[in-house]
Amino acid sequence: MTSQNFSLVRGRALRVTKLDGCGSVVLGPDSVVTTEGFISVGLTANSEEGESISVTNAAGKVCILDEPTPKFTGYTIEVQFCGVDPDLFSLMTGQPVVLNAAGDLAVGLRVNSGIDLDGSGFAMEMWSNVPVAACDASGSASYGYFLIPFVKGGTLGDVTIENGAINFTLSGASSKDGSEWGVGPYDVVRDAGGLAGPLNEAIDSQDHLHLEVTTVAPPTVSDTGAAALGVEATGATAGTPATLTPANSYAPADLADAASGFTASPTTAWTAGQYVEFRDGTTGHWDGTAWVAGVA
């Protein structure tokens, strides 16, 4: 097997994707943020050293010695930002955003001690340059691609207000086992035919970092807040829970949102135990004429 050597310089883009507490991608209207407004991303490797066993005999010589092998347990992650994107901080920390009077623009954030991060997580992707990189046969340049597939526990770090730039830091985040990222929802590498597509090999549940060189360009940076991942569902087929249609779609925001443009299948009343879960965490079912609250 041959190997491609490469060097990496500078960060180009950062994409953060919303996950649930089990490491699965959460589809929704505000599930992904792409930015170049970061100064640095630091990964500190953690390990368990284990316990050495050493026994000395009556002559003072070591007769039993067992030195453990360190075990990698994950990364502690710190991200320093050069600006404030309320949607990005909310996605990474679980903290609420502050909306304008019209309720259609995030203009700030709050830090609340009651936020529980056990039920949510996020994935981080980063791109860097490959210095003096030659283009491939298609004319595509090369980039370094980093993926941390499952992260939990981010908090807003120390903030100093002074006569100078005010930078914000995410600290306390850690990579976790149990990722359900698979090959991912994005086109980040090329397949055997040279077409852009998801990862060629699925992420293992114990993978904490994926790194490779790719000729698929980084995503377009928006820096305008969160964007949708998937499409809003147009219907639901009865089940426990219901299956949304089309594929890769997300449920209506709530019961009121389901009243328009959201079709039930079958159109007869759903049977006991069947329901659809809305994005606000509530449930509903079709009673034969309308969407109503709760499980059938």
C-alpha atoms as a PDB file:
ATOM      1  CA  MET A   1       0.000   0.000   0.000  1.00  0.00           C
ATOM      2  CA  THR A   2       1.326   3.442  -0.898  1.00  0.00           C
ATOM      3  CA  SER A   3       0.906   6.543   1.261  1.00  0.00           C
ATOM      4  CA  GLN A   4       0.342  10.213   0.459  1.00  0.00           C
ATOM      5  CA  ASN A   5       2.431  12.550   2.613  1.00  0.00           C
ATOM      6  CA  PHE A   6       1.160  16.077   3.185  1.00  0.00           C
ATOM      7  CA  SER A   7       1.648  19.170   5.350  1.00  0.00           C
ATOM      8  CA  LEU A   8      -1.106  21.414   6.680  1.00  0.00           C
ATOM      9  CA  VAL A   9      -1.176  25.162   7.355  1.00  0.00           C
ATOM     10  CA  ARG A  10      -3.821  27.651   8.494  1.00  0.00           C
ATOM     11  CA  GLY A  11      -7.480  27.062   9.234  1.00  0.00           C
ATOM     12  CA  ARG A  12      -9.913  27.876   6.438  1.00  0.00           C
ATOM     13  CA  ALA A  13     -13.372  26.975   7.713  1.00  0.00           C
ATOM     14  CA  LEU A  14     -15.219  25.425  10.639  1.00  0.00           C
ATOM     15  CA  ARG A  15     -18.566  23.639  10.386  1.00  0.00           C
ATOM     16  CA  VAL A  16     -20.545  22.607  13.464  1.00  0.00           C
ATOM     17  CA  THR A  17     -23.478  20.186  13.174  1.00  0.00           C
ATOM     18  CA  LYS A  18     -26.119  19.558  15.808  1.00  0.00           C
ATOM     19  CA  LEU A  19     -26.280  16.050  17.327  1.00  0.00           C
ATOM     20  CA  ASP A  20     -28.546  14.448  19.893  1.00  0.00           C
ATOM     21  CA  GLY A  21     -27.260  13.010  23.157  1.00  0.00           C
ATOM     22  CA  CYS A  22     -26.491   9.683  21.474  1.00  0.00           C
ATOM     23  CA  GLY A  23     -24.318  11.178  18.738  1.00  0.00           C
ATOM     24  CA  SER A  24     -26.850  11.076  15.891  1.00  0.00           C
ATOM     25  CA  VAL A  25     -27.266  13.970  13.462  1.00  0.00           C
ATOM     26  CA  VAL A  26     -30.316  16.137  14.204  1.00  0.00           C
ATOM     27  CA  LEU A  27     -32.092  17.332  11.067  1.00  0.00           C
ATOM     28  CA  GLY A  28     -33.739  20.729  11.381  1.00  0.00           C
ATOM     29  CA  PRO A  29     -33.964  24.315  10.171  1.00  0.00           C
ATOM     30  CA  ASP A  30     -31.073  25.458  12.377  1.00  0.00           C
ATOM     31  CA  SER A  31     -28.818  22.401  12.652  1.00  0.00           C
ATOM     32  CA  VAL A  32     -25.581  23.607  11.047  1.00  0.00           C
ATOM     33  CA  VAL A  33     -23.334  26.661  11.259  1.00  0.00           C
ATOM     34  CA  THR A  34     -20.357  27.303   8.966  1.00  0.00           C
ATOM     35  CA  THR A  35     -17.868  30.025   9.862  1.00  0.00           C
ATOM     36  CA  GLU A  36     -14.356  31.333   9.378  1.00  0.00           C
ATOM     37  CA  GLY A  37     -14.601  33.475  12.509  1.00  0.00           C
ATOM     38  CA  PHE A  38     -12.310  31.376  14.668  1.00  0.00           C
ATOM     39  CA  ILE A  39      -8.762  32.029  15.829  1.00  0.00           C
ATOM     40  CA  SER A  40      -7.733  28.548  16.902  1.00  0.00           C
ATOM     41  CA  VAL A  41      -8.996  25.064  17.716  1.00  0.00           C
ATOM     42  CA  GLY A  42      -7.009  23.208  20.366  1.00  0.00           C
ATOM     43  CA  LEU A  43      -7.184  19.448  20.910  1.00  0.00           C
ATOM     44  CA  THR A  44      -5.595  18.097  24.093  1.00  0.00           C
ATOM     45  CA  ALA A  45      -5.250  14.304  24.137  1.00  0.00           C
ATOM     46  CA  ASN A  46      -6.376  12.560  27.330  1.00  0.00           C
ATOM     47  CA  SER A  47      -5.310   9.106  28.474  1.00  0.00           C
ATOM     48  CA  GLU A  48      -5.582   6.720  31.383  1.00  0.00           C
ATOM     49  CA  GLU A  49      -2.162   5.711  32.596  1.00  0.00           C
ATOM     50  CA  GLY A  50      -3.327   2.675  34.564  1.00  0.00           C
ATOM     51  CA  GLU A  51      -1.657   1.309  37.690  1.00  0.00           C
ATOM     52  CA  SER A  52       1.845  -0.136  37.803  1.00  0.00           C
ATOM     53  CA  ILE A  53       2.370  -3.385  39.727  1.00  0.00           C
ATOM     54  CA  SER A  54       5.770  -3.885  41.279  1.00  0.00           C
ATOM     55  CA  VAL A  55       6.729  -6.555  43.818  1.00  0.00           C
ATOM     56  CA  THR A  56      10.147  -6.737  45.497  1.00  0.00           C
ATOM     57  CA  ASN A  57      11.474 -10.020  46.919  1.00  0.00           C
ATOM     58  CA  ALA A  58      13.314 -10.556  50.178  1.00  0.00           C
ATOM     59  CA  ALA A  59      16.648  -9.734  48.512  1.00  0.00           C
ATOM     60  CA  GLY A  60      15.403  -6.323  47.468  1.00  0.00           C
ATOM     61  CA  LYS A  61      15.104  -7.239  43.814  1.00  0.00           C
ATOM     62  CA  VAL A  62      12.033  -6.659  41.689  1.00  0.00           C
ATOM     63  CA  CYS A  63      10.461 -10.029  40.996  1.00  0.00           C
ATOM     64  CA  ILE A  64       7.197  -8.840  39.472  1.00  0.00           C
ATOM     65  CA  LEU A  65       6.837  -5.764  37.305  1.00  0.00           C
ATOM     66  CA  ASP A  66       3.929  -4.859  35.128  1.00  0.00           C
ATOM     67  CA  GLU A  67       3.902  -1.441  33.510  1.00  0.00           C
ATOM     68  CA  PRO A  68       0.495  -0.574  32.020  1.00  0.00           C
ATOM     69  CA  THR A  69       0.069   0.782  28.503  1.00  0.00           C
ATOM     70  CA  PRO A  70      -1.590   4.210  28.401  1.00  0.00           C
ATOM     71  CA  LYS A  71      -5.114   4.137  26.959  1.00  0.00           C
ATOM     72  CA  PHE A  72      -6.368   7.045  24.859  1.00  0.00           C
ATOM     73  CA  THR A  73      -9.730   8.294  26.171  1.00  0.00           C
ATOM     74  CA  GLY A  74     -10.488  11.309  23.993  1.00  0.00           C
ATOM     75  CA  TYR A  75      -9.741  14.987  23.445  1.00  0.00           C
ATOM     76  CA  THR A  76     -10.475  18.057  25.489  1.00  0.00           C
ATOM     77  CA  ILE A  77     -11.398  20.794  23.031  1.00  0.00           C
ATOM     78  CA  GLU A  78     -10.990  24.554  23.221  1.00  0.00           C
ATOM     79  CA  VAL A  79     -12.037  26.931  20.443  1.00  0.00           C
ATOM     80  CA  GLN A  80     -11.163  30.625  20.409  1.00  0.00           C
ATOM     81  CA  PHE A  81     -13.425  32.824  18.299  1.00  0.00           C
ATOM     82  CA  CYS A  82     -12.783  36.304  16.928  1.00  0.00           C
ATOM     83  CA  GLY A  83     -16.458  37.259  16.884  1.00  0.00           C
ATOM     84  CA  VAL A  84     -19.824  36.328  18.336  1.00  0.00           C
ATOM     85  CA  ASP A  85     -22.248  34.175  16.348  1.00  0.00           C
ATOM     86  CA  PRO A  86     -25.177  33.591  18.741  1.00  0.00           C
ATOM     87  CA  ASP A  87     -26.473  30.592  16.775  1.00  0.00           C
ATOM     88  CA  LEU A  88     -23.025  28.951  16.800  1.00  0.00           C
ATOM     89  CA  PHE A  89     -22.541  29.440  20.537  1.00  0.00           C
ATOM     90  CA  SER A  90     -26.044  28.144  21.196  1.00  0.00           C
ATOM     91  CA  LEU A  91     -25.463  25.046  19.094  1.00  0.00           C
ATOM     92  CA  MET A  92     -22.168  24.271  20.876  1.00  0.00           C
ATOM     93  CA  THR A  93     -23.198  25.143  24.444  1.00  0.00           C
ATOM     94  CA  GLY A  94     -26.965  24.612  24.530  1.00  0.00           C
ATOM     95  CA  GLN A  95     -27.408  28.157  25.841  1.00  0.00           C
ATOM     96  CA  PRO A  96     -30.394  30.215  24.625  1.00  0.00           C
ATOM     97  CA  VAL A  97     -30.067  32.986  22.044  1.00  0.00           C
ATOM     98  CA  VAL A  98     -31.491  36.463  22.492  1.00  0.00           C
ATOM     99  CA  LEU A  99     -33.886  37.477  19.690  1.00  0.00           C
ATOM    100  CA  ASN A 100     -34.776  40.899  18.363  1.00  0.00           C
ATOM    101  CA  ALA A 101     -38.245  42.385  18.865  1.00  0.00           C
ATOM    102  CA  ALA A 102     -39.544  40.722  15.699  1.00  0.00           C
ATOM    103  CA  GLY A 103     -38.272  37.336  16.861  1.00  0.00           C
ATOM    104  CA  ASP A 104     -36.550  36.634  13.552  1.00  0.00           C
ATOM    105  CA  LEU A 105     -32.920  37.524  14.287  1.00  0.00           C
ATOM    106  CA  ALA A 106     -30.530  36.268  16.979  1.00  0.00           C
ATOM    107  CA  VAL A 107     -28.815  39.353  18.403  1.00  0.00           C
ATOM    108  CA  GLY A 108     -27.121  37.874  21.475  1.00  0.00           C
ATOM    109  CA  LEU A 109     -27.020  35.000  23.919  1.00  0.00           C
ATOM    110  CA  ARG A 110     -27.474  34.207  27.576  1.00  0.00           C
ATOM    111  CA  VAL A 111     -25.530  31.920  29.898  1.00  0.00           C
ATOM    112  CA  ASN A 112     -27.874  29.937  32.111  1.00  0.00           C
ATOM    113  CA  SER A 113     -26.794  27.558  34.899  1.00  0.00           C
ATOM    114  CA  GLY A 114     -29.864  25.368  34.370  1.00  0.00           C
ATOM    115  CA  ILE A 115     -28.812  24.078  30.938  1.00  0.00           C
ATOM    116  CA  ASP A 116     -28.305  20.291  30.836  1.00  0.00           C
ATOM    117  CA  LEU A 117     -25.879  19.223  28.102  1.00  0.00           C
ATOM    118  CA  ASP A 118     -26.368  15.464  28.550  1.00  0.00           C
ATOM    119  CA  GLY A 119     -29.110  15.376  25.926  1.00  0.00           C
ATOM    120  CA  SER A 120     -27.244  17.142  23.139  1.00  0.00           C
ATOM    121  CA  GLY A 121     -23.926  17.236  21.328  1.00  0.00           C
ATOM    122  CA  PHE A 122     -22.280  18.452  18.168  1.00  0.00           C
ATOM    123  CA  ALA A 123     -19.803  17.437  15.501  1.00  0.00           C
ATOM    124  CA  MET A 124     -16.928  19.648  14.364  1.00  0.00           C
ATOM    125  CA  GLU A 125     -15.373  19.692  10.898  1.00  0.00           C
ATOM    126  CA  MET A 126     -12.382  21.858  10.015  1.00  0.00           C
ATOM    127  CA  TRP A 127     -10.496  22.541   6.818  1.00  0.00           C
ATOM    128  CA  SER A 128      -6.921  23.734   6.378  1.00  0.00           C
ATOM    129  CA  ASN A 129      -4.673  24.549   3.478  1.00  0.00           C
ATOM    130  CA  VAL A 130      -2.118  22.160   2.050  1.00  0.00           C
ATOM    131  CA  PRO A 131       0.928  24.368   1.285  1.00  0.00           C
ATOM    132  CA  VAL A 132       2.241  24.460  -2.279  1.00  0.00           C
ATOM    133  CA  ALA A 133      -0.360  21.867  -3.156  1.00  0.00           C
ATOM    134  CA  ALA A 134      -0.436  20.735  -6.740  1.00  0.00           C
ATOM    135  CA  CYS A 135      -3.842  20.496  -8.317  1.00  0.00           C
ATOM    136  CA  ASP A 136      -5.102  17.075  -9.325  1.00  0.00           C
ATOM    137  CA  ALA A 137      -6.022  16.065 -12.868  1.00  0.00           C
ATOM    138  CA  SER A 138      -9.407  17.798 -12.548  1.00  0.00           C
ATOM    139  CA  GLY A 139      -7.787  21.070 -11.490  1.00  0.00           C
ATOM    140  CA  SER A 140      -8.916  20.748  -7.860  1.00  0.00           C
ATOM    141  CA  ALA A 141      -6.617  21.959  -5.085  1.00  0.00           C
ATOM    142  CA  SER A 142      -5.996  19.905  -1.929  1.00  0.00           C
ATOM    143  CA  TYR A 143      -7.183  20.655   1.606  1.00  0.00           C
ATOM    144  CA  GLY A 144      -6.748  19.114   5.021  1.00  0.00           C
ATOM    145  CA  TYR A 145     -10.049  17.781   6.398  1.00  0.00           C
ATOM    146  CA  PHE A 146     -10.529  17.220  10.134  1.00  0.00           C
ATOM    147  CA  LEU A 147     -13.604  15.650  11.734  1.00  0.00           C
ATOM    148  CA  ILE A 148     -14.404  15.256  15.430  1.00  0.00           C
ATOM    149  CA  PRO A 149     -17.619  13.247  15.093  1.00  0.00           C
ATOM    150  CA  PHE A 150     -19.075  13.486  18.607  1.00  0.00           C
ATOM    151  CA  VAL A 151     -18.493  16.314  21.096  1.00  0.00           C
ATOM    152  CA  LYS A 152     -20.355  17.160  24.302  1.00  0.00           C
ATOM    153  CA  GLY A 153     -20.128  19.623  27.142  1.00  0.00           C
ATOM    154  CA  GLY A 154     -19.080  22.981  25.682  1.00  0.00           C
ATOM    155  CA  THR A 155     -19.284  26.077  27.901  1.00  0.00           C
ATOM    156  CA  LEU A 156     -18.519  29.733  27.326  1.00  0.00           C
ATOM    157  CA  GLY A 157     -15.054  30.411  28.774  1.00  0.00           C
ATOM    158  CA  ASP A 158     -13.654  33.441  30.563  1.00  0.00           C
ATOM    159  CA  VAL A 159     -14.418  36.844  29.028  1.00  0.00           C
ATOM    160  CA  THR A 160     -12.292  39.933  29.645  1.00  0.00           C
ATOM    161  CA  ILE A 161     -13.661  43.358  28.726  1.00  0.00           C
ATOM    162  CA  GLU A 162     -10.764  45.779  28.306  1.00  0.00           C
ATOM    163  CA  ASN A 163      -9.139  48.328  26.030  1.00  0.00           C
ATOM    164  CA  GLY A 164      -8.640  45.762  23.276  1.00  0.00           C
ATOM    165  CA  ALA A 165     -10.367  43.132  21.221  1.00  0.00           C
ATOM    166  CA  ILE A 166     -12.816  40.992  23.180  1.00  0.00           C
ATOM    167  CA  ASN A 167     -12.435  37.345  22.214  1.00  0.00           C
ATOM    168  CA  PHE A 168     -14.755  34.518  23.208  1.00  0.00           C
ATOM    169  CA  THR A 169     -13.689  30.968  23.989  1.00  0.00           C
ATOM    170  CA  LEU A 170     -15.499  27.643  24.063  1.00  0.00           C
ATOM    171  CA  SER A 171     -13.969  25.402  26.717  1.00  0.00           C
ATOM    172  CA  GLY A 172     -14.807  22.239  28.616  1.00  0.00           C
ATOM    173  CA  ALA A 173     -15.902  20.304  25.520  1.00  0.00           C
ATOM    174  CA  SER A 174     -14.774  16.692  25.116  1.00  0.00           C
ATOM    175  CA  SER A 175     -14.870  14.151  22.305  1.00  0.00           C
ATOM    176  CA  LYS A 176     -16.917  11.064  23.139  1.00  0.00           C
ATOM    177  CA  ASP A 177     -17.303   7.412  22.232  1.00  0.00           C
ATOM    178  CA  GLY A 178     -20.583   6.356  20.667  1.00  0.00           C
ATOM    179  CA  SER A 179     -20.667   8.434  17.497  1.00  0.00           C
ATOM    180  CA  GLU A 180     -23.482   7.693  15.027  1.00  0.00           C
ATOM    181  CA  TRP A 181     -21.956   9.917  12.319  1.00  0.00           C
ATOM    182  CA  GLY A 182     -21.519   7.057   9.846  1.00  0.00           C
ATOM    183  CA  VAL A 183     -20.266   8.482   6.547  1.00  0.00           C
ATOM    184  CA  GLY A 184     -21.815  11.838   7.409  1.00  0.00           C
ATOM    185  CA  PRO A 185     -24.466  13.995   5.715  1.00  0.00           C
ATOM    186  CA  TYR A 186     -22.057  16.040   3.571  1.00  0.00           C
ATOM    187  CA  ASP A 187     -19.881  15.659   0.478  1.00  0.00           C
ATOM    188  CA  VAL A 188     -16.320  15.976   1.804  1.00  0.00           C
ATOM    189  CA  VAL A 189     -14.166  13.534  -0.208  1.00  0.00           C
ATOM    190  CA  ARG A 190     -14.136  11.957  -3.658  1.00  0.00           C
ATOM    191  CA  ASP A 191     -15.312   8.444  -4.398  1.00  0.00           C
ATOM    192  CA  ALA A 192     -13.628   5.907  -6.678  1.00  0.00           C
ATOM    193  CA  GLY A 193     -15.173   7.631  -9.706  1.00  0.00           C
ATOM    194  CA  GLY A 194     -13.861  11.037  -8.706  1.00  0.00           C
ATOM    195  CA  LEU A 195     -17.251  12.397  -7.650  1.00  0.00           C
ATOM    196  CA  ALA A 196     -17.708  14.398  -4.455  1.00  0.00           C
ATOM    197  CA  GLY A 197     -19.476  12.391  -1.761  1.00  0.00           C
ATOM    198  CA  PRO A 198     -19.528  11.499   1.944  1.00  0.00           C
ATOM    199  CA  LEU A 199     -16.692   9.662   3.668  1.00  0.00           C
ATOM    200  CA  ASN A 200     -15.626   6.496   1.861  1.00  0.00           C
ATOM    201  CA  GLU A 201     -15.580   4.565   5.140  1.00  0.00           C
ATOM    202  CA  ALA A 202     -18.019   5.034   8.019  1.00  0.00           C
ATOM    203  CA  ILE A 203     -16.806   6.470  11.305  1.00  0.00           C
ATOM    204  CA  ASP A 204     -16.422   3.827  14.019  1.00  0.00           C
ATOM    205  CA  SER A 205     -18.243   4.424  17.296  1.00  0.00           C
ATOM    206  CA  GLN A 206     -14.880   4.802  19.046  1.00  0.00           C
ATOM    207  CA  ASP A 207     -13.319   7.177  16.494  1.00  0.00           C
ATOM    208  CA  HIS A 208     -12.528  10.555  18.057  1.00  0.00           C
ATOM    209  CA  LEU A 209     -10.664  12.195  15.174  1.00  0.00           C
ATOM    210  CA  HIS A 210     -10.662  11.676  11.413  1.00  0.00           C
ATOM    211  CA  LEU A 211      -8.049  13.416   9.272  1.00  0.00           C
ATOM    212  CA  GLU A 212      -7.389  13.150   5.571  1.00  0.00           C
ATOM    213  CA  VAL A 213      -6.378  15.209   2.571  1.00  0.00           C
ATOM    214  CA  THR A 214      -9.185  15.903   0.113  1.00  0.00           C
ATOM    215  CA  THR A 215      -9.737  17.744  -3.135  1.00  0.00           C
ATOM    216  CA  VAL A 216     -13.332  18.619  -2.264  1.00  0.00           C
ATOM    217  CA  ALA A 217     -13.353  22.315  -1.402  1.00  0.00           C
ATOM    218  CA  PRO A 218     -14.509  23.519   2.033  1.00  0.00           C
ATOM    219  CA  PRO A 219     -18.133  24.620   2.339  1.00  0.00           C
ATOM    220  CA  THR A 220     -19.115  28.191   1.596  1.00  0.00           C
ATOM    221  CA  VAL A 221     -18.843  30.290   4.740  1.00  0.00           C
ATOM    222  CA  SER A 222     -22.030  32.159   5.588  1.00  0.00           C
ATOM    223  CA  ASP A 223     -21.378  33.726   9.016  1.00  0.00           C
ATOM    224  CA  THR A 224     -25.075  34.608   9.069  1.00  0.00           C
ATOM    225  CA  GLY A 225     -26.202  32.126  11.681  1.00  0.00           C
ATOM    226  CA  ALA A 226     -27.617  28.622  11.599  1.00  0.00           C
ATOM    227  CA  ALA A 227     -28.786  26.939   8.410  1.00  0.00           C
ATOM    228  CA  ALA A 228     -31.065  23.991   7.668  1.00  0.00           C
ATOM    229  CA  LEU A 229     -29.952  20.388   7.423  1.00  0.00           C
ATOM    230  CA  GLY A 230     -32.539  18.343   5.574  1.00  0.00           C
ATOM    231  CA  VAL A 231     -35.944  19.598   4.437  1.00  0.00           C
ATOM    232  CA  GLU A 232     -39.189  20.132   6.314  1.00  0.00           C
ATOM    233  CA  ALA A 233     -41.421  17.065   6.172  1.00  0.00           C
ATOM    234  CA  THR A 234     -44.563  17.185   4.088  1.00  0.00           C
ATOM    235  CA  GLY A 235     -46.185  14.155   5.685  1.00  0.00           C
ATOM    236  CA  ALA A 236     -45.976  11.315   8.195  1.00  0.00           C
ATOM    237  CA  THR A 237     -46.832   7.619   7.966  1.00  0.00           C
ATOM    238  CA  ALA A 238     -48.356   6.275  11.178  1.00  0.00           C
ATOM    239  CA  GLY A 239     -45.985   4.425  13.478  1.00  0.00           C
ATOM    240  CA  THR A 240     -44.403   4.401  16.931  1.00  0.00           C
ATOM    241  CA  PRO A 241     -43.063   6.897  16.110  1.00  0.00           C
ATOM    242  CA  ALA A 242     -44.306   7.927  12.664  1.00  0.00           C
ATOM    243  CA  THR A 243     -42.006   7.894   9.629  1.00  0.00           C
ATOM    244  CA  LEU A 244     -41.551  11.305   8.063  1.00  0.00           C
ATOM    245  CA  THR A 245     -41.666  11.910   4.323  1.00  0.00           C
ATOM    246  CA  PRO A 246     -39.692  12.638   2.261  1.00  0.00           C
ATOM    247  CA  ALA A 247     -36.448  11.013   3.415  1.00  0.00           C
ATOM    248  CA  ASN A 248     -33.989  13.207   5.333  1.00  0.00           C
ATOM    249  CA  SER A 249     -36.733  15.537   6.504  1.00  0.00           C
ATOM    250  CA  TYR A 250     -37.569  17.063   9.869  1.00  0.00           C
ATOM    251  CA  ALA A 251     -40.904  17.355  11.664  1.00  0.00           C
ATOM    252  CA  PRO A 252     -43.011  20.505  12.011  1.00  0.00           C
ATOM    253  CA  ALA A 253     -42.075  22.792  14.882  1.00  0.00           C
ATOM    254  CA  ASP A 254     -45.228  22.030  16.880  1.00  0.00           C
ATOM    255  CA  LEU A 255     -48.884  21.023  16.609  1.00  0.00           C
ATOM    256  CA  ALA A 256     -49.923  24.392  15.165  1.00  0.00           C
ATOM    257  CA  ASP A 257     -47.207  24.145  12.496  1.00  0.00           C
ATOM    258  CA  ALA A 258     -48.498  20.694  11.471  1.00  0.00           C
ATOM    259  CA  ALA A 259     -51.930  22.112  10.630  1.00  0.00           C
ATOM    260  CA  SER A 260     -50.717  23.362   7.251  1.00  0.00           C
ATOM    261  CA  GLY A 261     -48.955  21.332   4.569  1.00  0.00           C
ATOM    262  CA  PHE A 262     -48.391  18.211   6.684  1.00  0.00           C
ATOM    263  CA  THR A 263     -50.315  15.160   5.436  1.00  0.00           C
ATOM    264  CA  ALA A 264     -51.147  12.056   7.471  1.00  0.00           C
ATOM    265  CA  SER A 265     -50.978   8.522   6.112  1.00  0.00           C
ATOM    266  CA  PRO A 266     -53.339   6.751   6.408  1.00  0.00           C
ATOM    267  CA  THR A 267     -55.994   9.455   6.424  1.00  0.00           C
ATOM    268  CA  THR A 268     -58.155   7.399   8.774  1.00  0.00           C
ATOM    269  CA  ALA A 269     -57.662   7.750  12.517  1.00  0.00           C
ATOM    270  CA  TRP A 270     -54.331   6.425  13.745  1.00  0.00           C
ATOM    271  CA  THR A 271     -54.467   3.455  16.084  1.00  0.00           C
ATOM    272  CA  ALA A 272     -53.478   3.306  19.751  1.00  0.00           C
ATOM    273  CA  GLY A 273     -49.850   4.106  20.474  1.00  0.00           C
ATOM    274  CA  GLN A 274     -49.086   5.819  17.159  1.00  0.00           C
ATOM    275  CA  TYR A 275     -47.691   9.356  17.133  1.00  0.00           C
ATOM    276  CA  VAL A 276     -45.381  11.874  15.513  1.00  0.00           C
ATOM    277  CA  GLU A 277     -42.866  13.854  17.550  1.00  0.00           C
ATOM    278  CA  PHE A 278     -42.582  17.564  16.818  1.00  0.00           C
ATOM    279  CA  ARG A 279     -39.383  19.585  17.077  1.00  0.00           C
ATOM    280  CA  ASP A 280     -40.443  21.199  20.354  1.00  0.00           C
ATOM    281  CA  GLY A 281     -40.530  17.748  21.979  1.00  0.00           C
ATOM    282  CA  THR A 282     -44.318  17.387  22.067  1.00  0.00           C
ATOM    283  CA  THR A 283     -46.258  14.686  20.254  1.00  0.00           C
ATOM    284  CA  GLY A 284     -49.372  14.516  18.101  1.00  0.00           C
ATOM    285  CA  HIS A 285     -51.445  12.096  16.062  1.00  0.00           C
ATOM    286  CA  TRP A 286     -54.061  12.134  13.290  1.00  0.00           C
ATOM    287  CA  ASP A 287     -57.614  11.569  14.520  1.00  0.00           C
ATOM    288  CA  GLY A 288     -59.105  11.170  11.049  1.00  0.00           C
ATOM    289  CA  THR A 289     -59.891  14.836  10.483  1.00  0.00           C
ATOM    290  CA  ALA A 290     -57.060  16.848  12.083  1.00  0.00           C
ATOM    291  CA  TRP A 291     -53.778  16.717  13.948  1.00  0.00           C
ATOM    292  CA  VAL A 292     -54.381  16.583  17.709  1.00  0.00           C
ATOM    293  CA  ALA A 293     -52.031  16.588  20.668  1.00  0.00           C
ATOM    294  CA  GLY A 294     -50.584  13.475  22.279  1.00  0.00           C
ATOM    295  CA  VAL A 295     -50.257   9.794  21.432  1.00  0.00           C
ATOM    296  CA  ALA A 296     -53.251   8.060  19.828  1.00  0.00           C
END
